[in-house]
Amino acid sequence: MMNMSLPFLWSLLTLLIFAEVNGERGELELQRQKRSINLQQPRMATERGNLVFLTGSAQNIEFRTGSLGKIKLNDEDLSECLHQIQKNKEDIIELKGSAIGLPQNISSQIYQLNSK
């Protein structure tokens, strides 16, 4: 039950934020009292047309999906990109490990070719 209500609460929070941003301006804005902003609470804002996520100094921004969900950035699945980066890192470490002594081996083979 808690698992089901958490996405609903986030959806409701997002709707309320967008409703406030797109709400009527002018007179209502003058009448509205300023809220005290706790800098440790996460916030979403727009700056120069960009959507900005703001967190406290030691807070993270996390995206969580369901079992089949994906997080995409410009049609690229971020999970697949991160998996490929990790694989490339492992391949580089493996190549570095196997390259120890390689220059001597190459030098030896070049010397053998030159001496024939």
PDB file of N, CA and C in Angstrom:
ATOM      1  N   MET A   1       0.831  -1.190   0.000  1.00  0.00           N
ATOM      2  CA  MET A   1       0.000   0.000   0.000  1.00  0.00           C
ATOM      3  C   MET A   1       0.872   1.249   0.000  1.00  0.00           C
ATOM      4  N   MET A   2       1.919   1.262   0.825  1.00  0.00           N
ATOM      5  CA  MET A   2       2.831   2.421   0.886  1.00  0.00           C
ATOM      6  C   MET A   2       3.531   2.615  -0.447  1.00  0.00           C
ATOM      7  N   ASN A   3       3.902   1.493  -1.081  1.00  0.00           N
ATOM      8  CA  ASN A   3       4.569   1.554  -2.385  1.00  0.00           C
ATOM      9  C   ASN A   3       3.670   2.202  -3.428  1.00  0.00           C
ATOM     10  N   MET A   4       2.379   1.920  -3.330  1.00  0.00           N
ATOM     11  CA  MET A   4       1.427   2.446  -4.304  1.00  0.00           C
ATOM     12  C   MET A   4       1.163   3.933  -4.060  1.00  0.00           C
ATOM     13  N   SER A   5       1.146   4.361  -2.790  1.00  0.00           N
ATOM     14  CA  SER A   5       0.791   5.745  -2.493  1.00  0.00           C
ATOM     15  C   SER A   5       1.946   6.709  -2.718  1.00  0.00           C
ATOM     16  N   LEU A   6       3.189   6.238  -2.660  1.00  0.00           N
ATOM     17  CA  LEU A   6       4.336   7.126  -2.854  1.00  0.00           C
ATOM     18  C   LEU A   6       4.341   7.747  -4.254  1.00  0.00           C
ATOM     19  N   PRO A   7       4.184   6.964  -5.341  1.00  0.00           N
ATOM     20  CA  PRO A   7       4.120   7.611  -6.661  1.00  0.00           C
ATOM     21  C   PRO A   7       2.932   8.574  -6.778  1.00  0.00           C
ATOM     22  N   PHE A   8       1.815   8.227  -6.144  1.00  0.00           N
ATOM     23  CA  PHE A   8       0.653   9.108  -6.180  1.00  0.00           C
ATOM     24  C   PHE A   8       0.972  10.433  -5.503  1.00  0.00           C
ATOM     25  N   LEU A   9       1.644  10.380  -4.344  1.00  0.00           N
ATOM     26  CA  LEU A   9       1.995  11.613  -3.635  1.00  0.00           C
ATOM     27  C   LEU A   9       2.955  12.463  -4.455  1.00  0.00           C
ATOM     28  N   TRP A  10       3.942  11.834  -5.107  1.00  0.00           N
ATOM     29  CA  TRP A  10       4.883  12.591  -5.948  1.00  0.00           C
ATOM     30  C   TRP A  10       4.153  13.224  -7.133  1.00  0.00           C
ATOM     31  N   SER A  11       3.210  12.471  -7.718  1.00  0.00           N
ATOM     32  CA  SER A  11       2.438  13.020  -8.832  1.00  0.00           C
ATOM     33  C   SER A  11       1.609  14.208  -8.371  1.00  0.00           C
ATOM     34  N   LEU A  12       0.995  14.076  -7.211  1.00  0.00           N
ATOM     35  CA  LEU A  12       0.191  15.164  -6.666  1.00  0.00           C
ATOM     36  C   LEU A  12       1.060  16.382  -6.371  1.00  0.00           C
ATOM     37  N   LEU A  13       2.227  16.158  -5.778  1.00  0.00           N
ATOM     38  CA  LEU A  13       3.153  17.248  -5.488  1.00  0.00           C
ATOM     39  C   LEU A  13       3.580  17.949  -6.773  1.00  0.00           C
ATOM     40  N   THR A  14       3.907  17.183  -7.798  1.00  0.00           N
ATOM     41  CA  THR A  14       4.313  17.764  -9.083  1.00  0.00           C
ATOM     42  C   THR A  14       3.179  18.588  -9.684  1.00  0.00           C
ATOM     43  N   LEU A  15       1.959  18.062  -9.638  1.00  0.00           N
ATOM     44  CA  LEU A  15       0.807  18.809 -10.155  1.00  0.00           C
ATOM     45  C   LEU A  15       0.613  20.117  -9.399  1.00  0.00           C
ATOM     46  N   LEU A  16       0.741  20.067  -8.079  1.00  0.00           N
ATOM     47  CA  LEU A  16       0.577  21.287  -7.287  1.00  0.00           C
ATOM     48  C   LEU A  16       1.646  22.317  -7.619  1.00  0.00           C
ATOM     49  N   ILE A  17       2.868  21.857  -7.812  1.00  0.00           N
ATOM     50  CA  ILE A  17       3.952  22.787  -8.161  1.00  0.00           C
ATOM     51  C   ILE A  17       3.675  23.436  -9.508  1.00  0.00           C
ATOM     52  N   PHE A  18       3.302  22.631 -10.508  1.00  0.00           N
ATOM     53  CA  PHE A  18       3.016  23.191 -11.826  1.00  0.00           C
ATOM     54  C   PHE A  18       1.789  24.092 -11.802  1.00  0.00           C
ATOM     55  N   ALA A  19       0.789  23.740 -10.986  1.00  0.00           N
ATOM     56  CA  ALA A  19      -0.401  24.586 -10.885  1.00  0.00           C
ATOM     57  C   ALA A  19      -0.031  25.940 -10.294  1.00  0.00           C
ATOM     58  N   GLU A  20       0.868  25.925  -9.317  1.00  0.00           N
ATOM     59  CA  GLU A  20       1.296  27.183  -8.714  1.00  0.00           C
ATOM     60  C   GLU A  20       2.084  28.022  -9.713  1.00  0.00           C
ATOM     61  N   VAL A  21       2.971  27.382 -10.467  1.00  0.00           N
ATOM     62  CA  VAL A  21       3.784  28.106 -11.449  1.00  0.00           C
ATOM     63  C   VAL A  21       2.904  28.685 -12.549  1.00  0.00           C
ATOM     64  N   ASN A  22       1.914  27.917 -12.994  1.00  0.00           N
ATOM     65  CA  ASN A  22       1.058  28.361 -14.091  1.00  0.00           C
ATOM     66  C   ASN A  22      -0.178  29.116 -13.606  1.00  0.00           C
ATOM     67  N   GLY A  23      -0.311  29.306 -12.301  1.00  0.00           N
ATOM     68  CA  GLY A  23      -1.482  29.987 -11.739  1.00  0.00           C
ATOM     69  C   GLY A  23      -1.550  31.444 -12.134  1.00  0.00           C
ATOM     70  N   GLU A  24      -2.643  32.053 -11.742  1.00  0.00           N
ATOM     71  CA  GLU A  24      -2.827  33.462 -12.084  1.00  0.00           C
ATOM     72  C   GLU A  24      -1.802  34.320 -11.365  1.00  0.00           C
ATOM     73  N   ARG A  25      -1.306  35.316 -12.052  1.00  0.00           N
ATOM     74  CA  ARG A  25      -0.299  36.232 -11.499  1.00  0.00           C
ATOM     75  C   ARG A  25      -0.997  37.535 -11.096  1.00  0.00           C
ATOM     76  N   GLY A  26      -0.214  38.519 -10.773  1.00  0.00           N
ATOM     77  CA  GLY A  26      -0.753  39.856 -10.516  1.00  0.00           C
ATOM     78  C   GLY A  26      -1.286  40.009  -9.120  1.00  0.00           C
ATOM     79  N   GLU A  27      -2.590  40.292  -9.035  1.00  0.00           N
ATOM     80  CA  GLU A  27      -3.193  40.617  -7.751  1.00  0.00           C
ATOM     81  C   GLU A  27      -3.101  39.461  -6.765  1.00  0.00           C
ATOM     82  N   LEU A  28      -3.337  38.253  -7.234  1.00  0.00           N
ATOM     83  CA  LEU A  28      -3.231  37.100  -6.344  1.00  0.00           C
ATOM     84  C   LEU A  28      -1.814  36.952  -5.813  1.00  0.00           C
ATOM     85  N   GLU A  29      -0.850  37.274  -6.647  1.00  0.00           N
ATOM     86  CA  GLU A  29       0.545  37.155  -6.236  1.00  0.00           C
ATOM     87  C   GLU A  29       0.872  38.168  -5.141  1.00  0.00           C
ATOM     88  N   LEU A  30       0.287  39.352  -5.219  1.00  0.00           N
ATOM     89  CA  LEU A  30       0.514  40.366  -4.197  1.00  0.00           C
ATOM     90  C   LEU A  30      -0.109  39.956  -2.866  1.00  0.00           C
ATOM     91  N   GLN A  31      -1.266  39.284  -2.934  1.00  0.00           N
ATOM     92  CA  GLN A  31      -1.968  38.899  -1.723  1.00  0.00           C
ATOM     93  C   GLN A  31      -1.356  37.661  -1.067  1.00  0.00           C
ATOM     94  N   ARG A  32      -0.704  36.862  -1.848  1.00  0.00           N
ATOM     95  CA  ARG A  32      -0.158  35.611  -1.332  1.00  0.00           C
ATOM     96  C   ARG A  32       0.997  35.895  -0.376  1.00  0.00           C
ATOM     97  N   GLN A  33       0.985  35.240   0.750  1.00  0.00           N
ATOM     98  CA  GLN A  33       2.067  35.430   1.709  1.00  0.00           C
ATOM     99  C   GLN A  33       3.269  34.596   1.285  1.00  0.00           C
ATOM    100  N   LYS A  34       4.436  35.144   1.554  1.00  0.00           N
ATOM    101  CA  LYS A  34       5.670  34.430   1.241  1.00  0.00           C
ATOM    102  C   LYS A  34       5.829  33.264   2.204  1.00  0.00           C
ATOM    103  N   ARG A  35       6.241  32.133   1.640  1.00  0.00           N
ATOM    104  CA  ARG A  35       6.540  30.975   2.470  1.00  0.00           C
ATOM    105  C   ARG A  35       7.998  31.032   2.877  1.00  0.00           C
ATOM    106  N   SER A  36       8.284  30.552   4.058  1.00  0.00           N
ATOM    107  CA  SER A  36       9.693  30.458   4.436  1.00  0.00           C
ATOM    108  C   SER A  36      10.275  29.245   3.714  1.00  0.00           C
ATOM    109  N   ILE A  37      11.423  29.435   3.099  1.00  0.00           N
ATOM    110  CA  ILE A  37      12.044  28.377   2.309  1.00  0.00           C
ATOM    111  C   ILE A  37      13.126  27.718   3.143  1.00  0.00           C
ATOM    112  N   ASN A  38      12.981  26.421   3.341  1.00  0.00           N
ATOM    113  CA  ASN A  38      13.999  25.645   4.026  1.00  0.00           C
ATOM    114  C   ASN A  38      14.971  25.157   2.959  1.00  0.00           C
ATOM    115  N   LEU A  39      16.208  25.611   3.015  1.00  0.00           N
ATOM    116  CA  LEU A  39      17.184  25.289   1.973  1.00  0.00           C
ATOM    117  C   LEU A  39      17.555  23.816   1.944  1.00  0.00           C
ATOM    118  N   GLN A  40      17.209  23.055   2.977  1.00  0.00           N
ATOM    119  CA  GLN A  40      17.515  21.626   2.985  1.00  0.00           C
ATOM    120  C   GLN A  40      16.440  20.814   2.259  1.00  0.00           C
ATOM    121  N   GLN A  41      15.287  21.405   1.994  1.00  0.00           N
ATOM    122  CA  GLN A  41      14.218  20.698   1.299  1.00  0.00           C
ATOM    123  C   GLN A  41      14.444  20.755  -0.209  1.00  0.00           C
ATOM    124  N   PRO A  42      14.223  19.645  -0.909  1.00  0.00           N
ATOM    125  CA  PRO A  42      14.392  19.666  -2.367  1.00  0.00           C
ATOM    126  C   PRO A  42      13.327  20.536  -3.027  1.00  0.00           C
ATOM    127  N   ARG A  43      13.714  21.173  -4.121  1.00  0.00           N
ATOM    128  CA  ARG A  43      12.797  22.050  -4.851  1.00  0.00           C
ATOM    129  C   ARG A  43      13.029  21.901  -6.348  1.00  0.00           C
ATOM    130  N   MET A  44      11.992  22.225  -7.101  1.00  0.00           N
ATOM    131  CA  MET A  44      12.110  22.351  -8.550  1.00  0.00           C
ATOM    132  C   MET A  44      11.853  23.808  -8.883  1.00  0.00           C
ATOM    133  N   ALA A  45      12.630  24.330  -9.812  1.00  0.00           N
ATOM    134  CA  ALA A  45      12.456  25.724 -10.208  1.00  0.00           C
ATOM    135  C   ALA A  45      12.753  25.846 -11.696  1.00  0.00           C
ATOM    136  N   THR A  46      12.378  26.984 -12.259  1.00  0.00           N
ATOM    137  CA  THR A  46      12.767  27.273 -13.632  1.00  0.00           C
ATOM    138  C   THR A  46      13.665  28.494 -13.610  1.00  0.00           C
ATOM    139  N   GLU A  47      14.746  28.405 -14.364  1.00  0.00           N
ATOM    140  CA  GLU A  47      15.681  29.516 -14.500  1.00  0.00           C
ATOM    141  C   GLU A  47      16.015  29.676 -15.974  1.00  0.00           C
ATOM    142  N   ARG A  48      15.671  30.840 -16.536  1.00  0.00           N
ATOM    143  CA  ARG A  48      15.940  31.138 -17.943  1.00  0.00           C
ATOM    144  C   ARG A  48      15.431  30.022 -18.863  1.00  0.00           C
ATOM    145  N   GLY A  49      14.255  29.479 -18.544  1.00  0.00           N
ATOM    146  CA  GLY A  49      13.648  28.452 -19.376  1.00  0.00           C
ATOM    147  C   GLY A  49      14.127  27.043 -19.090  1.00  0.00           C
ATOM    148  N   ASN A  50      15.001  26.870 -18.113  1.00  0.00           N
ATOM    149  CA  ASN A  50      15.520  25.551 -17.765  1.00  0.00           C
ATOM    150  C   ASN A  50      14.859  25.047 -16.492  1.00  0.00           C
ATOM    151  N   LEU A  51      14.560  23.744 -16.447  1.00  0.00           N
ATOM    152  CA  LEU A  51      14.038  23.125 -15.239  1.00  0.00           C
ATOM    153  C   LEU A  51      15.225  22.768 -14.360  1.00  0.00           C
ATOM    154  N   VAL A  52      15.209  23.253 -13.115  1.00  0.00           N
ATOM    155  CA  VAL A  52      16.341  23.071 -12.207  1.00  0.00           C
ATOM    156  C   VAL A  52      15.856  22.337 -10.962  1.00  0.00           C
ATOM    157  N   PHE A  53      16.571  21.281 -10.576  1.00  0.00           N
ATOM    158  CA  PHE A  53      16.303  20.566  -9.338  1.00  0.00           C
ATOM    159  C   PHE A  53      17.297  21.072  -8.300  1.00  0.00           C
ATOM    160  N   LEU A  54      16.793  21.531  -7.161  1.00  0.00           N
ATOM    161  CA  LEU A  54      17.646  22.066  -6.103  1.00  0.00           C
ATOM    162  C   LEU A  54      17.534  21.176  -4.873  1.00  0.00           C
ATOM    163  N   THR A  55      18.668  20.856  -4.262  1.00  0.00           N
ATOM    164  CA  THR A  55      18.667  20.042  -3.053  1.00  0.00           C
ATOM    165  C   THR A  55      19.480  20.735  -1.978  1.00  0.00           C
ATOM    166  N   GLY A  56      19.433  20.177  -0.783  1.00  0.00           N
ATOM    167  CA  GLY A  56      20.291  20.650   0.291  1.00  0.00           C
ATOM    168  C   GLY A  56      21.731  20.288  -0.013  1.00  0.00           C
ATOM    169  N   SER A  57      22.638  20.773   0.815  1.00  0.00           N
ATOM    170  CA  SER A  57      24.062  20.607   0.523  1.00  0.00           C
ATOM    171  C   SER A  57      24.515  19.152   0.519  1.00  0.00           C
ATOM    172  N   ALA A  58      23.895  18.290   1.279  1.00  0.00           N
ATOM    173  CA  ALA A  58      24.329  16.892   1.329  1.00  0.00           C
ATOM    174  C   ALA A  58      23.248  15.955   0.798  1.00  0.00           C
ATOM    175  N   GLN A  59      22.390  16.459  -0.076  1.00  0.00           N
ATOM    176  CA  GLN A  59      21.280  15.667  -0.596  1.00  0.00           C
ATOM    177  C   GLN A  59      21.532  15.274  -2.049  1.00  0.00           C
ATOM    178  N   ASN A  60      20.910  14.191  -2.476  1.00  0.00           N
ATOM    179  CA  ASN A  60      21.056  13.683  -3.838  1.00  0.00           C
ATOM    180  C   ASN A  60      19.776  13.900  -4.624  1.00  0.00           C
ATOM    181  N   ILE A  61      19.887  13.792  -5.930  1.00  0.00           N
ATOM    182  CA  ILE A  61      18.719  13.734  -6.809  1.00  0.00           C
ATOM    183  C   ILE A  61      18.665  12.304  -7.321  1.00  0.00           C
ATOM    184  N   GLU A  62      17.571  11.613  -7.060  1.00  0.00           N
ATOM    185  CA  GLU A  62      17.439  10.214  -7.456  1.00  0.00           C
ATOM    186  C   GLU A  62      16.210  10.050  -8.337  1.00  0.00           C
ATOM    187  N   PHE A  63      16.340   9.185  -9.318  1.00  0.00           N
ATOM    188  CA  PHE A  63      15.223   8.795 -10.166  1.00  0.00           C
ATOM    189  C   PHE A  63      15.064   7.289 -10.000  1.00  0.00           C
ATOM    190  N   ARG A  64      13.868   6.851  -9.699  1.00  0.00           N
ATOM    191  CA  ARG A  64      13.608   5.417  -9.527  1.00  0.00           C
ATOM    192  C   ARG A  64      12.450   5.025 -10.426  1.00  0.00           C
ATOM    193  N   THR A  65      12.607   3.881 -11.078  1.00  0.00           N
ATOM    194  CA  THR A  65      11.559   3.400 -11.970  1.00  0.00           C
ATOM    195  C   THR A  65      11.054   2.051 -11.484  1.00  0.00           C
ATOM    196  N   GLY A  66       9.974   1.616 -12.093  1.00  0.00           N
ATOM    197  CA  GLY A  66       9.481   0.276 -11.835  1.00  0.00           C
ATOM    198  C   GLY A  66      10.384  -0.743 -12.507  1.00  0.00           C
ATOM    199  N   SER A  67      10.010  -2.010 -12.407  1.00  0.00           N
ATOM    200  CA  SER A  67      10.877  -3.077 -12.911  1.00  0.00           C
ATOM    201  C   SER A  67      11.133  -2.971 -14.416  1.00  0.00           C
ATOM    202  N   LEU A  68      10.203  -2.430 -15.172  1.00  0.00           N
ATOM    203  CA  LEU A  68      10.390  -2.317 -16.622  1.00  0.00           C
ATOM    204  C   LEU A  68      10.602  -0.873 -17.080  1.00  0.00           C
ATOM    205  N   GLY A  69      10.629   0.049 -16.137  1.00  0.00           N
ATOM    206  CA  GLY A  69      10.780   1.461 -16.480  1.00  0.00           C
ATOM    207  C   GLY A  69      12.204   1.819 -16.859  1.00  0.00           C
ATOM    208  N   LYS A  70      12.350   2.914 -17.578  1.00  0.00           N
ATOM    209  CA  LYS A  70      13.656   3.396 -18.014  1.00  0.00           C
ATOM    210  C   LYS A  70      13.741   4.892 -17.747  1.00  0.00           C
ATOM    211  N   ILE A  71      14.949   5.364 -17.556  1.00  0.00           N
ATOM    212  CA  ILE A  71      15.198   6.800 -17.480  1.00  0.00           C
ATOM    213  C   ILE A  71      15.912   7.161 -18.766  1.00  0.00           C
ATOM    214  N   LYS A  72      15.301   8.037 -19.552  1.00  0.00           N
ATOM    215  CA  LYS A  72      15.861   8.371 -20.862  1.00  0.00           C
ATOM    216  C   LYS A  72      16.265   9.832 -20.909  1.00  0.00           C
ATOM    217  N   LEU A  73      17.335  10.091 -21.637  1.00  0.00           N
ATOM    218  CA  LEU A  73      17.814  11.437 -21.878  1.00  0.00           C
ATOM    219  C   LEU A  73      18.055  11.546 -23.375  1.00  0.00           C
ATOM    220  N   ASN A  74      17.262  12.372 -24.060  1.00  0.00           N
ATOM    221  CA  ASN A  74      17.350  12.499 -25.523  1.00  0.00           C
ATOM    222  C   ASN A  74      17.292  11.138 -26.203  1.00  0.00           C
ATOM    223  N   ASP A  75      16.319  10.333 -25.854  1.00  0.00           N
ATOM    224  CA  ASP A  75      16.074   9.004 -26.422  1.00  0.00           C
ATOM    225  C   ASP A  75      17.151   7.976 -26.099  1.00  0.00           C
ATOM    226  N   GLU A  76      18.076   8.293 -25.208  1.00  0.00           N
ATOM    227  CA  GLU A  76      19.110   7.340 -24.787  1.00  0.00           C
ATOM    228  C   GLU A  76      18.744   6.812 -23.402  1.00  0.00           C
ATOM    229  N   ASP A  77      18.755   5.490 -23.246  1.00  0.00           N
ATOM    230  CA  ASP A  77      18.495   4.870 -21.958  1.00  0.00           C
ATOM    231  C   ASP A  77      19.732   5.044 -21.078  1.00  0.00           C
ATOM    232  N   LEU A  78      19.600   5.806 -19.996  1.00  0.00           N
ATOM    233  CA  LEU A  78      20.751   6.086 -19.136  1.00  0.00           C
ATOM    234  C   LEU A  78      21.315   4.822 -18.501  1.00  0.00           C
ATOM    235  N   SER A  79      20.473   3.857 -18.203  1.00  0.00           N
ATOM    236  CA  SER A  79      20.949   2.607 -17.618  1.00  0.00           C
ATOM    237  C   SER A  79      21.868   1.871 -18.587  1.00  0.00           C
ATOM    238  N   GLU A  80      21.477   1.816 -19.859  1.00  0.00           N
ATOM    239  CA  GLU A  80      22.318   1.168 -20.870  1.00  0.00           C
ATOM    240  C   GLU A  80      23.632   1.921 -21.044  1.00  0.00           C
ATOM    241  N   CYS A  81      23.574   3.244 -21.037  1.00  0.00           N
ATOM    242  CA  CYS A  81      24.803   4.047 -21.169  1.00  0.00           C
ATOM    243  C   CYS A  81      25.749   3.786 -20.006  1.00  0.00           C
ATOM    244  N   LEU A  82      25.218   3.767 -18.789  1.00  0.00           N
ATOM    245  CA  LEU A  82      26.057   3.523 -17.617  1.00  0.00           C
ATOM    246  C   LEU A  82      26.637   2.115 -17.634  1.00  0.00           C
ATOM    247  N   HIS A  83      25.842   1.151 -18.098  1.00  0.00           N
ATOM    248  CA  HIS A  83      26.337  -0.227 -18.215  1.00  0.00           C
ATOM    249  C   HIS A  83      27.492  -0.288 -19.213  1.00  0.00           C
ATOM    250  N   GLN A  84      27.366   0.399 -20.339  1.00  0.00           N
ATOM    251  CA  GLN A  84      28.430   0.410 -21.349  1.00  0.00           C
ATOM    252  C   GLN A  84      29.683   1.103 -20.811  1.00  0.00           C
ATOM    253  N   ILE A  85      29.504   2.179 -20.063  1.00  0.00           N
ATOM    254  CA  ILE A  85      30.650   2.875 -19.465  1.00  0.00           C
ATOM    255  C   ILE A  85      31.388   1.945 -18.508  1.00  0.00           C
ATOM    256  N   GLN A  86      30.640   1.215 -17.677  1.00  0.00           N
ATOM    257  CA  GLN A  86      31.264   0.282 -16.731  1.00  0.00           C
ATOM    258  C   GLN A  86      32.012  -0.819 -17.473  1.00  0.00           C
ATOM    259  N   LYS A  87      31.411  -1.338 -18.550  1.00  0.00           N
ATOM    260  CA  LYS A  87      32.071  -2.384 -19.347  1.00  0.00           C
ATOM    261  C   LYS A  87      33.349  -1.837 -19.976  1.00  0.00           C
ATOM    262  N   ASN A  88      33.293  -0.621 -20.515  1.00  0.00           N
ATOM    263  CA  ASN A  88      34.486  -0.005 -21.108  1.00  0.00           C
ATOM    264  C   ASN A  88      35.580   0.180 -20.062  1.00  0.00           C
ATOM    265  N   LYS A  89      35.193   0.586 -18.872  1.00  0.00           N
ATOM    266  CA  LYS A  89      36.162   0.776 -17.788  1.00  0.00           C
ATOM    267  C   LYS A  89      36.850  -0.545 -17.455  1.00  0.00           C
ATOM    268  N   GLU A  90      36.056  -1.612 -17.354  1.00  0.00           N
ATOM    269  CA  GLU A  90      36.625  -2.931 -17.061  1.00  0.00           C
ATOM    270  C   GLU A  90      37.559  -3.378 -18.179  1.00  0.00           C
ATOM    271  N   ASP A  91      37.169  -3.132 -19.437  1.00  0.00           N
ATOM    272  CA  ASP A  91      38.023  -3.493 -20.578  1.00  0.00           C
ATOM    273  C   ASP A  91      39.341  -2.724 -20.542  1.00  0.00           C
ATOM    274  N   ILE A  92      39.292  -1.450 -20.200  1.00  0.00           N
ATOM    275  CA  ILE A  92      40.507  -0.626 -20.129  1.00  0.00           C
ATOM    276  C   ILE A  92      41.430  -1.148 -19.030  1.00  0.00           C
ATOM    277  N   ILE A  93      40.855  -1.475 -17.878  1.00  0.00           N
ATOM    278  CA  ILE A  93      41.662  -2.017 -16.779  1.00  0.00           C
ATOM    279  C   ILE A  93      42.310  -3.332 -17.204  1.00  0.00           C
ATOM    280  N   GLU A  94      41.536  -4.175 -17.895  1.00  0.00           N
ATOM    281  CA  GLU A  94      42.069  -5.459 -18.376  1.00  0.00           C
ATOM    282  C   GLU A  94      43.198  -5.236 -19.382  1.00  0.00           C
ATOM    283  N   LEU A  95      43.014  -4.293 -20.305  1.00  0.00           N
ATOM    284  CA  LEU A  95      44.062  -3.997 -21.289  1.00  0.00           C
ATOM    285  C   LEU A  95      45.316  -3.448 -20.621  1.00  0.00           C
ATOM    286  N   LYS A  96      45.132  -2.577 -19.648  1.00  0.00           N
ATOM    287  CA  LYS A  96      46.289  -2.037 -18.929  1.00  0.00           C
ATOM    288  C   LYS A  96      47.041  -3.149 -18.212  1.00  0.00           C
ATOM    289  N   GLY A  97      46.305  -4.077 -17.621  1.00  0.00           N
ATOM    290  CA  GLY A  97      46.926  -5.194 -16.903  1.00  0.00           C
ATOM    291  C   GLY A  97      47.671  -6.130 -17.829  1.00  0.00           C
ATOM    292  N   SER A  98      47.131  -6.365 -19.009  1.00  0.00           N
ATOM    293  CA  SER A  98      47.787  -7.283 -19.949  1.00  0.00           C
ATOM    294  C   SER A  98      48.888  -6.589 -20.738  1.00  0.00           C
ATOM    295  N   ALA A  99      48.959  -5.272 -20.676  1.00  0.00           N
ATOM    296  CA  ALA A  99      49.971  -4.533 -21.439  1.00  0.00           C
ATOM    297  C   ALA A  99      51.305  -4.455 -20.706  1.00  0.00           C
ATOM    298  N   ILE A 100      51.346  -4.912 -19.456  1.00  0.00           N
ATOM    299  CA  ILE A 100      52.610  -4.884 -18.713  1.00  0.00           C
ATOM    300  C   ILE A 100      53.588  -5.832 -19.395  1.00  0.00           C
ATOM    301  N   GLY A 101      54.746  -5.342 -19.713  1.00  0.00           N
ATOM    302  CA  GLY A 101      55.752  -6.150 -20.398  1.00  0.00           C
ATOM    303  C   GLY A 101      55.562  -6.189 -21.893  1.00  0.00           C
ATOM    304  N   LEU A 102      54.512  -5.607 -22.395  1.00  0.00           N
ATOM    305  CA  LEU A 102      54.238  -5.625 -23.832  1.00  0.00           C
ATOM    306  C   LEU A 102      55.297  -4.893 -24.640  1.00  0.00           C
ATOM    307  N   PRO A 103      55.775  -3.731 -24.239  1.00  0.00           N
ATOM    308  CA  PRO A 103      56.801  -3.053 -25.043  1.00  0.00           C
ATOM    309  C   PRO A 103      58.069  -3.893 -25.209  1.00  0.00           C
ATOM    310  N   GLN A 104      58.476  -4.631 -24.178  1.00  0.00           N
ATOM    311  CA  GLN A 104      59.651  -5.486 -24.300  1.00  0.00           C
ATOM    312  C   GLN A 104      59.393  -6.589 -25.311  1.00  0.00           C
ATOM    313  N   ASN A 105      58.199  -7.156 -25.285  1.00  0.00           N
ATOM    314  CA  ASN A 105      57.847  -8.219 -26.213  1.00  0.00           C
ATOM    315  C   ASN A 105      57.874  -7.696 -27.640  1.00  0.00           C
ATOM    316  N   ILE A 106      57.324  -6.521 -27.866  1.00  0.00           N
ATOM    317  CA  ILE A 106      57.314  -5.924 -29.208  1.00  0.00           C
ATOM    318  C   ILE A 106      58.736  -5.616 -29.649  1.00  0.00           C
ATOM    319  N   SER A 107      59.540  -5.053 -28.755  1.00  0.00           N
ATOM    320  CA  SER A 107      60.938  -4.751 -29.091  1.00  0.00           C
ATOM    321  C   SER A 107      61.686  -6.016 -29.468  1.00  0.00           C
ATOM    322  N   SER A 108      61.436  -7.080 -28.740  1.00  0.00           N
ATOM    323  CA  SER A 108      62.097  -8.356 -29.023  1.00  0.00           C
ATOM    324  C   SER A 108      61.695  -8.878 -30.397  1.00  0.00           C
ATOM    325  N   GLN A 109      60.421  -8.793 -30.729  1.00  0.00           N
ATOM    326  CA  GLN A 109      59.948  -9.274 -32.031  1.00  0.00           C
ATOM    327  C   GLN A 109      60.509  -8.426 -33.164  1.00  0.00           C
ATOM    328  N   ILE A 110      60.589  -7.113 -32.980  1.00  0.00           N
ATOM    329  CA  ILE A 110      61.167  -6.235 -34.009  1.00  0.00           C
ATOM    330  C   ILE A 110      62.636  -6.577 -34.214  1.00  0.00           C
ATOM    331  N   TYR A 111      63.371  -6.822 -33.132  1.00  0.00           N
ATOM    332  CA  TYR A 111      64.786  -7.177 -33.224  1.00  0.00           C
ATOM    333  C   TYR A 111      64.949  -8.483 -33.995  1.00  0.00           C
ATOM    334  N   GLN A 112      64.055  -9.463 -33.712  1.00  0.00           N
ATOM    335  CA  GLN A 112      64.126 -10.751 -34.407  1.00  0.00           C
ATOM    336  C   GLN A 112      63.843 -10.576 -35.894  1.00  0.00           C
ATOM    337  N   LEU A 113      62.888  -9.719 -36.244  1.00  0.00           N
ATOM    338  CA  LEU A 113      62.582  -9.480 -37.660  1.00  0.00           C
ATOM    339  C   LEU A 113      63.752  -8.797 -38.359  1.00  0.00           C
ATOM    340  N   ASN A 114      64.371  -7.847 -37.694  1.00  0.00           N
ATOM    341  CA  ASN A 114      65.495  -7.123 -38.282  1.00  0.00           C
ATOM    342  C   ASN A 114      66.718  -8.015 -38.453  1.00  0.00           C
ATOM    343  N   SER A 115      66.882  -8.980 -37.574  1.00  0.00           N
ATOM    344  CA  SER A 115      68.069  -9.830 -37.641  1.00  0.00           C
ATOM    345  C   SER A 115      67.937 -10.927 -38.682  1.00  0.00           C
ATOM    346  N   LYS A 116      66.778 -11.161 -39.246  1.00  0.00           N
ATOM    347  CA  LYS A 116      66.586 -12.223 -40.252  1.00  0.00           C
ATOM    348  C   LYS A 116      67.027 -11.803 -41.605  1.00  0.00           C
TER     349      LYS A 116
END
